[in-house]
């Protein structure tokens, strides 16, 4: 099955980078004000989801799910759960990290939800790409100038980081002491990260600042 792309309403400053990563067979889901990104991404919605409190319902022929304004799920979280129900197991999340910290943190939790459900997911913003890592190693090539590793819940135990400026060998990272910030792959090497117990958030930094 094709990959599902969920587009939220957070700002996107570098459309070209995202367009290079989109596939022709991606299933595009635009959530409420995420519809403002259709032209920038050069893609139309296969599904529109939202309560339309921040964007007018376009009322077009595309399948549209209208949600109540008062609900437990955000529009984006509902969209992810709906596409999981439809059988998608590979997700690409964009327009999810912005100026509102509450929405950004809520969208980061989507990554953990998908990981624990056995789905693959990558979240992209203008500065970085993010994914949850458990026992299966994830890799960071030296085209990324920096990367960081965070614990999102409880304590992630026996974490290993190799081929990096600051390696780890079986270390723990607790929620209240996040010391895995701003590491670097060794030149010419591909760093790796995994945790024997629990999960970590891996953030690969694409560039130090926007051009």
C-alpha atoms as a PDB file:
ATOM      1  CA  UNK A   1       0.000   0.000   0.000  1.00  0.00           C
ATOM      2  CA  UNK A   2       1.133   3.536  -0.763  1.00  0.00           C
ATOM      3  CA  UNK A   3       2.407   5.931   1.895  1.00  0.00           C
ATOM      4  CA  UNK A   4       0.029   8.307   3.662  1.00  0.00           C
ATOM      5  CA  UNK A   5       1.052  11.972   3.883  1.00  0.00           C
ATOM      6  CA  UNK A   6      -0.676  13.986   6.621  1.00  0.00           C
ATOM      7  CA  UNK A   7      -0.449  17.762   6.146  1.00  0.00           C
ATOM      8  CA  UNK A   8      -1.116  20.020   9.142  1.00  0.00           C
ATOM      9  CA  UNK A   9      -1.479  23.760   9.335  1.00  0.00           C
ATOM     10  CA  UNK A  10       1.900  24.733  10.825  1.00  0.00           C
ATOM     11  CA  UNK A  11       4.103  26.984   8.654  1.00  0.00           C
ATOM     12  CA  UNK A  12       6.216  25.425   5.892  1.00  0.00           C
ATOM     13  CA  UNK A  13       9.059  27.605   4.641  1.00  0.00           C
ATOM     14  CA  UNK A  14      10.873  25.148   2.376  1.00  0.00           C
ATOM     15  CA  UNK A  15       8.373  23.516   0.026  1.00  0.00           C
ATOM     16  CA  UNK A  16      11.033  22.361  -2.416  1.00  0.00           C
ATOM     17  CA  UNK A  17      12.695  20.091   0.137  1.00  0.00           C
ATOM     18  CA  UNK A  18       9.383  18.412   0.918  1.00  0.00           C
ATOM     19  CA  UNK A  19       8.370  18.122  -2.732  1.00  0.00           C
ATOM     20  CA  UNK A  20      11.620  16.252  -3.414  1.00  0.00           C
ATOM     21  CA  UNK A  21      10.577  13.674  -0.804  1.00  0.00           C
ATOM     22  CA  UNK A  22       6.992  13.214  -2.020  1.00  0.00           C
ATOM     23  CA  UNK A  23       6.093  10.203  -4.142  1.00  0.00           C
ATOM     24  CA  UNK A  24       3.682  10.093  -7.047  1.00  0.00           C
ATOM     25  CA  UNK A  25       1.550   7.460  -5.304  1.00  0.00           C
ATOM     26  CA  UNK A  26       1.394   9.191  -1.907  1.00  0.00           C
ATOM     27  CA  UNK A  27      -2.124   9.428  -0.471  1.00  0.00           C
ATOM     28  CA  UNK A  28      -2.492  13.077   0.537  1.00  0.00           C
ATOM     29  CA  UNK A  29      -4.541  14.015   3.595  1.00  0.00           C
ATOM     30  CA  UNK A  30      -4.902  17.746   4.335  1.00  0.00           C
ATOM     31  CA  UNK A  31      -6.095  18.708   7.821  1.00  0.00           C
ATOM     32  CA  UNK A  32      -8.121  21.927   8.105  1.00  0.00           C
ATOM     33  CA  UNK A  33      -5.712  24.873   7.621  1.00  0.00           C
ATOM     34  CA  UNK A  34      -3.197  22.444   6.123  1.00  0.00           C
ATOM     35  CA  UNK A  35      -5.175  23.111   2.930  1.00  0.00           C
ATOM     36  CA  UNK A  36      -3.190  26.354   2.563  1.00  0.00           C
ATOM     37  CA  UNK A  37      -0.180  24.199   1.627  1.00  0.00           C
ATOM     38  CA  UNK A  38      -1.755  22.566  -1.447  1.00  0.00           C
ATOM     39  CA  UNK A  39      -0.327  25.058  -3.935  1.00  0.00           C
ATOM     40  CA  UNK A  40       3.108  25.172  -2.303  1.00  0.00           C
ATOM     41  CA  UNK A  41       3.356  21.388  -2.343  1.00  0.00           C
ATOM     42  CA  UNK A  42       1.870  21.102  -5.826  1.00  0.00           C
ATOM     43  CA  UNK A  43      -0.509  18.383  -4.654  1.00  0.00           C
ATOM     44  CA  UNK A  44      -4.257  18.207  -4.178  1.00  0.00           C
ATOM     45  CA  UNK A  45      -6.044  16.473  -1.328  1.00  0.00           C
ATOM     46  CA  UNK A  46      -7.183  12.879  -1.652  1.00  0.00           C
ATOM     47  CA  UNK A  47      -8.898  13.354   1.715  1.00  0.00           C
ATOM     48  CA  UNK A  48      -9.750  16.512   3.681  1.00  0.00           C
ATOM     49  CA  UNK A  49     -10.224  16.289   7.445  1.00  0.00           C
ATOM     50  CA  UNK A  50     -11.145  19.071   9.828  1.00  0.00           C
ATOM     51  CA  UNK A  51     -13.575  21.000  11.969  1.00  0.00           C
ATOM     52  CA  UNK A  52     -12.841  24.029   9.757  1.00  0.00           C
ATOM     53  CA  UNK A  53     -12.295  26.443  12.593  1.00  0.00           C
ATOM     54  CA  UNK A  54      -9.119  27.764  10.942  1.00  0.00           C
ATOM     55  CA  UNK A  55      -9.885  27.261   7.234  1.00  0.00           C
ATOM     56  CA  UNK A  56     -13.046  27.401   5.186  1.00  0.00           C
ATOM     57  CA  UNK A  57     -14.404  24.052   3.991  1.00  0.00           C
ATOM     58  CA  UNK A  58     -13.600  24.201   0.267  1.00  0.00           C
ATOM     59  CA  UNK A  59     -16.699  22.138  -0.569  1.00  0.00           C
ATOM     60  CA  UNK A  60     -15.043  20.343  -3.439  1.00  0.00           C
ATOM     61  CA  UNK A  61     -15.491  16.797  -4.785  1.00  0.00           C
ATOM     62  CA  UNK A  62     -12.598  15.369  -2.730  1.00  0.00           C
ATOM     63  CA  UNK A  63     -13.652  13.112   0.130  1.00  0.00           C
ATOM     64  CA  UNK A  64     -14.151  15.310   3.214  1.00  0.00           C
ATOM     65  CA  UNK A  65     -14.632  14.343   6.857  1.00  0.00           C
ATOM     66  CA  UNK A  66     -16.150  17.186   8.862  1.00  0.00           C
ATOM     67  CA  UNK A  67     -15.385  16.948  12.575  1.00  0.00           C
ATOM     68  CA  UNK A  68     -17.022  18.699  15.540  1.00  0.00           C
ATOM     69  CA  UNK A  69     -15.103  21.614  16.991  1.00  0.00           C
ATOM     70  CA  UNK A  70     -15.305  20.139  20.506  1.00  0.00           C
ATOM     71  CA  UNK A  71     -13.554  16.763  20.551  1.00  0.00           C
ATOM     72  CA  UNK A  72     -10.688  14.867  22.160  1.00  0.00           C
ATOM     73  CA  UNK A  73      -8.619  14.349  18.998  1.00  0.00           C
ATOM     74  CA  UNK A  74      -6.962  17.147  17.088  1.00  0.00           C
ATOM     75  CA  UNK A  75      -7.749  17.153  13.377  1.00  0.00           C
ATOM     76  CA  UNK A  76      -4.296  15.710  12.666  1.00  0.00           C
ATOM     77  CA  UNK A  77      -4.580  12.947  15.263  1.00  0.00           C
ATOM     78  CA  UNK A  78      -8.024  11.990  13.964  1.00  0.00           C
ATOM     79  CA  UNK A  79      -6.636  11.854  10.432  1.00  0.00           C
ATOM     80  CA  UNK A  80      -3.790   9.543  11.499  1.00  0.00           C
ATOM     81  CA  UNK A  81      -6.162   7.215  13.351  1.00  0.00           C
ATOM     82  CA  UNK A  82      -8.538   7.157  10.385  1.00  0.00           C
ATOM     83  CA  UNK A  83      -5.761   6.264   7.947  1.00  0.00           C
ATOM     84  CA  UNK A  84      -4.491   3.552  10.294  1.00  0.00           C
ATOM     85  CA  UNK A  85      -8.034   2.175  10.279  1.00  0.00           C
ATOM     86  CA  UNK A  86      -7.890   2.152   6.474  1.00  0.00           C
ATOM     87  CA  UNK A  87      -4.753   0.013   6.586  1.00  0.00           C
ATOM     88  CA  UNK A  88      -1.881   2.433   6.007  1.00  0.00           C
ATOM     89  CA  UNK A  89       1.361   1.476   7.740  1.00  0.00           C
ATOM     90  CA  UNK A  90       3.746   4.159   6.443  1.00  0.00           C
ATOM     91  CA  UNK A  91       3.222   7.830   7.346  1.00  0.00           C
ATOM     92  CA  UNK A  92       4.912  11.081   6.362  1.00  0.00           C
ATOM     93  CA  UNK A  93       3.900  14.025   8.568  1.00  0.00           C
ATOM     94  CA  UNK A  94       4.400  17.652   7.508  1.00  0.00           C
ATOM     95  CA  UNK A  95       3.085  21.016   8.677  1.00  0.00           C
ATOM     96  CA  UNK A  96       3.078  19.685  12.237  1.00  0.00           C
ATOM     97  CA  UNK A  97       5.697  21.782  14.068  1.00  0.00           C
ATOM     98  CA  UNK A  98       5.029  25.501  14.445  1.00  0.00           C
ATOM     99  CA  UNK A  99       4.795  28.455  16.782  1.00  0.00           C
ATOM    100  CA  UNK A 100       2.226  26.886  19.100  1.00  0.00           C
ATOM    101  CA  UNK A 101       4.118  24.594  21.445  1.00  0.00           C
ATOM    102  CA  UNK A 102       0.947  22.808  22.570  1.00  0.00           C
ATOM    103  CA  UNK A 103       0.072  21.701  19.049  1.00  0.00           C
ATOM    104  CA  UNK A 104       3.688  20.823  18.288  1.00  0.00           C
ATOM    105  CA  UNK A 105       3.969  18.588  21.360  1.00  0.00           C
ATOM    106  CA  UNK A 106       0.642  16.984  20.553  1.00  0.00           C
ATOM    107  CA  UNK A 107       1.852  16.209  17.050  1.00  0.00           C
ATOM    108  CA  UNK A 108       5.105  14.734  18.380  1.00  0.00           C
ATOM    109  CA  UNK A 109       2.964  12.300  20.352  1.00  0.00           C
ATOM    110  CA  UNK A 110       1.549  11.090  17.025  1.00  0.00           C
ATOM    111  CA  UNK A 111       4.998   9.690  16.233  1.00  0.00           C
ATOM    112  CA  UNK A 112       4.943   7.630  19.433  1.00  0.00           C
ATOM    113  CA  UNK A 113       1.363   6.495  18.786  1.00  0.00           C
ATOM    114  CA  UNK A 114       2.310   5.245  15.327  1.00  0.00           C
ATOM    115  CA  UNK A 115       5.521   3.587  16.527  1.00  0.00           C
ATOM    116  CA  UNK A 116       3.761   1.666  19.275  1.00  0.00           C
ATOM    117  CA  UNK A 117       1.131   0.588  16.763  1.00  0.00           C
ATOM    118  CA  UNK A 118       3.870  -0.908  14.587  1.00  0.00           C
ATOM    119  CA  UNK A 119       3.679   1.743  11.889  1.00  0.00           C
ATOM    120  CA  UNK A 120       6.533   3.581  10.209  1.00  0.00           C
ATOM    121  CA  UNK A 121       6.486   7.368  10.521  1.00  0.00           C
ATOM    122  CA  UNK A 122       8.699  10.345   9.723  1.00  0.00           C
ATOM    123  CA  UNK A 123       7.885  13.930  10.744  1.00  0.00           C
ATOM    124  CA  UNK A 124       9.484  16.755   8.794  1.00  0.00           C
ATOM    125  CA  UNK A 125       9.819  20.463   9.498  1.00  0.00           C
ATOM    126  CA  UNK A 126      12.002  23.158   7.936  1.00  0.00           C
ATOM    127  CA  UNK A 127      14.904  22.394  10.250  1.00  0.00           C
ATOM    128  CA  UNK A 128      14.838  18.677  10.839  1.00  0.00           C
ATOM    129  CA  UNK A 129      13.315  15.260  10.401  1.00  0.00           C
ATOM    130  CA  UNK A 130      12.139  13.223  13.362  1.00  0.00           C
ATOM    131  CA  UNK A 131      11.290   9.609  14.116  1.00  0.00           C
ATOM    132  CA  UNK A 132      10.893   7.284  17.073  1.00  0.00           C
ATOM    133  CA  UNK A 133      13.622   4.673  17.547  1.00  0.00           C
ATOM    134  CA  UNK A 134      13.481   1.512  19.621  1.00  0.00           C
ATOM    135  CA  UNK A 135      15.499  -1.681  19.391  1.00  0.00           C
ATOM    136  CA  UNK A 136      15.985  -1.440  15.621  1.00  0.00           C
ATOM    137  CA  UNK A 137      18.852   0.984  14.876  1.00  0.00           C
ATOM    138  CA  UNK A 138      18.295   4.212  12.988  1.00  0.00           C
ATOM    139  CA  UNK A 139      21.101   5.873  11.076  1.00  0.00           C
ATOM    140  CA  UNK A 140      22.331   9.439  10.635  1.00  0.00           C
ATOM    141  CA  UNK A 141      24.645  10.101   7.699  1.00  0.00           C
ATOM    142  CA  UNK A 142      27.192  12.889   7.864  1.00  0.00           C
ATOM    143  CA  UNK A 143      25.079  14.992   5.499  1.00  0.00           C
ATOM    144  CA  UNK A 144      23.206  15.938   8.682  1.00  0.00           C
ATOM    145  CA  UNK A 145      25.392  18.410  10.625  1.00  0.00           C
ATOM    146  CA  UNK A 146      23.746  17.586  13.972  1.00  0.00           C
ATOM    147  CA  UNK A 147      21.334  15.189  15.597  1.00  0.00           C
ATOM    148  CA  UNK A 148      19.707  14.896  19.021  1.00  0.00           C
ATOM    149  CA  UNK A 149      18.200  12.047  20.996  1.00  0.00           C
ATOM    150  CA  UNK A 150      15.369  12.644  23.481  1.00  0.00           C
ATOM    151  CA  UNK A 151      13.372  10.521  25.851  1.00  0.00           C
ATOM    152  CA  UNK A 152       9.649  11.288  25.579  1.00  0.00           C
ATOM    153  CA  UNK A 153       8.243   9.004  28.284  1.00  0.00           C
ATOM    154  CA  UNK A 154       9.656   7.395  31.417  1.00  0.00           C
ATOM    155  CA  UNK A 155      13.261   6.304  31.081  1.00  0.00           C
ATOM    156  CA  UNK A 156      14.823   4.970  27.906  1.00  0.00           C
ATOM    157  CA  UNK A 157      17.412   2.394  28.947  1.00  0.00           C
ATOM    158  CA  UNK A 158      20.608   1.010  27.486  1.00  0.00           C
ATOM    159  CA  UNK A 159      20.901   3.481  24.643  1.00  0.00           C
ATOM    160  CA  UNK A 160      23.696   3.041  22.133  1.00  0.00           C
ATOM    161  CA  UNK A 161      25.054   5.770  19.865  1.00  0.00           C
ATOM    162  CA  UNK A 162      27.951   4.866  17.584  1.00  0.00           C
ATOM    163  CA  UNK A 163      30.143   6.707  15.073  1.00  0.00           C
ATOM    164  CA  UNK A 164      29.280  10.053  16.658  1.00  0.00           C
ATOM    165  CA  UNK A 165      31.230  12.809  18.383  1.00  0.00           C
ATOM    166  CA  UNK A 166      29.529  11.858  21.655  1.00  0.00           C
ATOM    167  CA  UNK A 167      28.989   8.071  21.696  1.00  0.00           C
ATOM    168  CA  UNK A 168      26.892   6.185  24.231  1.00  0.00           C
ATOM    169  CA  UNK A 169      27.198   2.548  25.260  1.00  0.00           C
ATOM    170  CA  UNK A 170      24.276   1.222  27.269  1.00  0.00           C
ATOM    171  CA  UNK A 171      23.339   4.563  28.880  1.00  0.00           C
ATOM    172  CA  UNK A 172      19.946   5.674  30.197  1.00  0.00           C
ATOM    173  CA  UNK A 173      18.218   8.969  29.415  1.00  0.00           C
ATOM    174  CA  UNK A 174      15.445  10.080  31.763  1.00  0.00           C
ATOM    175  CA  UNK A 175      12.690  12.553  31.021  1.00  0.00           C
ATOM    176  CA  UNK A 176      14.096  15.065  33.526  1.00  0.00           C
ATOM    177  CA  UNK A 177      17.686  14.970  32.220  1.00  0.00           C
ATOM    178  CA  UNK A 178      17.865  15.271  28.441  1.00  0.00           C
ATOM    179  CA  UNK A 179      21.591  15.211  27.769  1.00  0.00           C
ATOM    180  CA  UNK A 180      21.407  13.813  24.225  1.00  0.00           C
ATOM    181  CA  UNK A 181      21.148  17.242  22.589  1.00  0.00           C
ATOM    182  CA  UNK A 182      23.282  18.350  19.626  1.00  0.00           C
ATOM    183  CA  UNK A 183      25.465  15.397  18.721  1.00  0.00           C
ATOM    184  CA  UNK A 184      27.353  15.070  15.428  1.00  0.00           C
ATOM    185  CA  UNK A 185      28.063  12.156  13.076  1.00  0.00           C
ATOM    186  CA  UNK A 186      31.781  11.588  12.639  1.00  0.00           C
ATOM    187  CA  UNK A 187      33.084  12.817   9.264  1.00  0.00           C
ATOM    188  CA  UNK A 188      32.685  10.129   6.635  1.00  0.00           C
ATOM    189  CA  UNK A 189      30.705   7.929   9.037  1.00  0.00           C
ATOM    190  CA  UNK A 190      27.061   7.015   9.467  1.00  0.00           C
ATOM    191  CA  UNK A 191      26.070   7.329  13.126  1.00  0.00           C
ATOM    192  CA  UNK A 192      23.530   4.914  14.604  1.00  0.00           C
ATOM    193  CA  UNK A 193      21.095   5.058  17.518  1.00  0.00           C
ATOM    194  CA  UNK A 194      19.010   2.444  19.278  1.00  0.00           C
ATOM    195  CA  UNK A 195      17.599   1.674  22.719  1.00  0.00           C
ATOM    196  CA  UNK A 196      17.406  -1.817  24.179  1.00  0.00           C
ATOM    197  CA  UNK A 197      14.473  -0.770  26.382  1.00  0.00           C
ATOM    198  CA  UNK A 198      11.934   1.955  25.681  1.00  0.00           C
ATOM    199  CA  UNK A 199      11.969   4.450  22.839  1.00  0.00           C
ATOM    200  CA  UNK A 200      13.777   7.665  21.967  1.00  0.00           C
ATOM    201  CA  UNK A 201      12.970  10.542  19.657  1.00  0.00           C
ATOM    202  CA  UNK A 202      15.690  10.987  17.048  1.00  0.00           C
ATOM    203  CA  UNK A 203      15.938  14.478  15.542  1.00  0.00           C
ATOM    204  CA  UNK A 204      18.202  14.826  12.515  1.00  0.00           C
ATOM    205  CA  UNK A 205      19.067  18.491  11.902  1.00  0.00           C
ATOM    206  CA  UNK A 206      19.102  19.330   8.224  1.00  0.00           C
ATOM    207  CA  UNK A 207      20.705  22.767   8.420  1.00  0.00           C
ATOM    208  CA  UNK A 208      21.648  25.278  11.071  1.00  0.00           C
ATOM    209  CA  UNK A 209      19.420  28.022   9.729  1.00  0.00           C
ATOM    210  CA  UNK A 210      17.154  28.644   6.800  1.00  0.00           C
ATOM    211  CA  UNK A 211      18.775  30.129   3.726  1.00  0.00           C
END
